[in-house]
C-alpha atoms as a PDB file:
ATOM      1  CA  MET A   1     128.909 220.098 149.615  1.00  0.00           C
ATOM      2  CA  ASP A   2     132.348 221.084 150.670  1.00  0.00           C
ATOM      3  CA  LYS A   3     135.325 218.474 151.012  1.00  0.00           C
ATOM      4  CA  LYS A   4     135.085 218.426 154.966  1.00  0.00           C
ATOM      5  CA  THR A   5     131.397 217.723 154.947  1.00  0.00           C
ATOM      6  CA  LEU A   6     131.699 214.966 152.121  1.00  0.00           C
ATOM      7  CA  GLU A   7     134.382 213.289 154.185  1.00  0.00           C
ATOM      8  CA  PHE A   8     132.274 213.491 157.269  1.00  0.00           C
ATOM      9  CA  VAL A   9     129.192 212.103 155.631  1.00  0.00           C
ATOM     10  CA  THR A  10     131.309 209.280 153.806  1.00  0.00           C
ATOM     11  CA  PHE A  11     132.780 208.297 157.176  1.00  0.00           C
ATOM     12  CA  CYS A  12     129.299 208.088 158.802  1.00  0.00           C
ATOM     13  CA  ILE A  13     127.806 206.066 156.127  1.00  0.00           C
ATOM     14  CA  SER A  14     130.747 203.699 156.097  1.00  0.00           C
ATOM     15  CA  LYS A  15     130.386 203.026 159.828  1.00  0.00           C
ATOM     16  CA  LEU A  16     126.613 202.743 159.815  1.00  0.00           C
ATOM     17  CA  SER A  17     127.055 200.257 156.785  1.00  0.00           C
ATOM     18  CA  ILE A  18     129.210 198.013 158.896  1.00  0.00           C
ATOM     19  CA  LEU A  19     126.950 198.305 161.994  1.00  0.00           C
ATOM     20  CA  LEU A  20     123.739 197.571 159.941  1.00  0.00           C
ATOM     21  CA  LYS A  21     125.252 195.143 157.611  1.00  0.00           C
ATOM     22  CA  LEU A  22     123.862 197.096 154.659  1.00  0.00           C
ATOM     23  CA  SER A  23     125.480 198.501 151.505  1.00  0.00           C
ATOM     24  CA  GLN A  24     126.748 202.170 151.600  1.00  0.00           C
ATOM     25  CA  GLU A  25     124.419 203.005 148.710  1.00  0.00           C
ATOM     26  CA  ASP A  26     121.447 201.496 150.708  1.00  0.00           C
ATOM     27  CA  ILE A  27     122.423 203.491 153.828  1.00  0.00           C
ATOM     28  CA  TYR A  28     122.823 206.805 151.984  1.00  0.00           C
ATOM     29  CA  SER A  29     119.575 206.217 150.229  1.00  0.00           C
ATOM     30  CA  ARG A  30     117.713 205.554 153.541  1.00  0.00           C
ATOM     31  CA  LEU A  31     119.352 208.393 155.431  1.00  0.00           C
ATOM     32  CA  GLU A  32     118.491 210.883 152.683  1.00  0.00           C
ATOM     33  CA  LYS A  33     114.996 209.626 152.291  1.00  0.00           C
ATOM     34  CA  SER A  34     114.289 209.927 155.977  1.00  0.00           C
ATOM     35  CA  GLY A  35     115.764 213.236 156.384  1.00  0.00           C
ATOM     36  CA  ILE A  36     118.504 212.031 158.757  1.00  0.00           C
ATOM     37  CA  LEU A  37     121.266 212.845 156.398  1.00  0.00           C
ATOM     38  CA  TYR A  38     120.509 216.484 156.197  1.00  0.00           C
ATOM     39  CA  ASP A  39     118.594 217.264 159.350  1.00  0.00           C
ATOM     40  CA  TYR A  40     120.802 215.421 161.821  1.00  0.00           C
ATOM     41  CA  ILE A  41     124.181 214.479 160.209  1.00  0.00           C
ATOM     42  CA  ILE A  42     124.999 217.524 157.826  1.00  0.00           C
ATOM     43  CA  ASP A  43     123.278 220.306 159.655  1.00  0.00           C
ATOM     44  CA  GLU A  44     124.759 219.253 163.052  1.00  0.00           C
ATOM     45  CA  GLN A  45     128.196 218.066 161.951  1.00  0.00           C
ATOM     46  CA  ASN A  46     129.913 220.600 164.035  1.00  0.00           C
ATOM     47  CA  VAL A  47     128.376 219.065 167.062  1.00  0.00           C
ATOM     48  CA  TRP A  48     129.042 215.604 165.996  1.00  0.00           C
ATOM     49  CA  TYR A  49     132.778 216.365 165.837  1.00  0.00           C
ATOM     50  CA  LYS A  50     132.801 216.895 169.571  1.00  0.00           C
ATOM     51  CA  LYS A  51     131.050 213.631 170.310  1.00  0.00           C
ATOM     52  CA  LEU A  52     133.164 210.455 170.915  1.00  0.00           C
ATOM     53  CA  ASP A  53     130.216 208.220 170.473  1.00  0.00           C
ATOM     54  CA  LEU A  54     129.261 209.574 167.198  1.00  0.00           C
ATOM     55  CA  ILE A  55     128.064 206.474 165.292  1.00  0.00           C
ATOM     56  CA  GLU A  56     126.000 205.236 168.516  1.00  0.00           C
ATOM     57  CA  GLU A  57     124.229 208.674 168.518  1.00  0.00           C
ATOM     58  CA  ILE A  58     123.278 208.442 164.873  1.00  0.00           C
ATOM     59  CA  TYR A  59     122.273 204.786 165.323  1.00  0.00           C
ATOM     60  CA  SER A  60     120.000 205.967 168.141  1.00  0.00           C
ATOM     61  CA  ILE A  61     118.319 208.474 165.877  1.00  0.00           C
ATOM     62  CA  ILE A  62     117.852 205.793 163.154  1.00  0.00           C
ATOM     63  CA  GLU A  63     116.118 203.647 165.811  1.00  0.00           C
ATOM     64  CA  GLN A  64     113.730 206.467 166.324  1.00  0.00           C
ATOM     65  CA  TYR A  65     112.792 206.422 162.714  1.00  0.00           C
ATOM     66  CA  TYR A  66     112.986 202.625 162.364  1.00  0.00           C
ATOM     67  CA  PRO A  67     112.229 200.786 165.608  1.00  0.00           C
ATOM     68  CA  ASP A  68     113.599 197.504 164.244  1.00  0.00           C
ATOM     69  CA  ALA A  69     116.799 199.295 163.111  1.00  0.00           C
ATOM     70  CA  ASN A  70     118.733 196.077 162.491  1.00  0.00           C
ATOM     71  CA  THR A  71     116.425 195.421 159.355  1.00  0.00           C
ATOM     72  CA  TYR A  72     116.262 199.213 158.612  1.00  0.00           C
ATOM     73  CA  SER A  73     113.798 198.794 155.841  1.00  0.00           C
END
């Protein structure tokens, strides 16, 4: 993973951690396990850079995988 991608992933995980009130390690693990990390965040990062509502968009993807996204378990 190059530096730009690592910084982007770190930013997303940090913001989602705050939003969902979970540890960053937990967010990373769940994103990786669900496929969201690679299929949506890393593979589409060039698209994400153009979006102002980045975290809200990723959160809506999480809600598709986890309907009760506030518990995200």
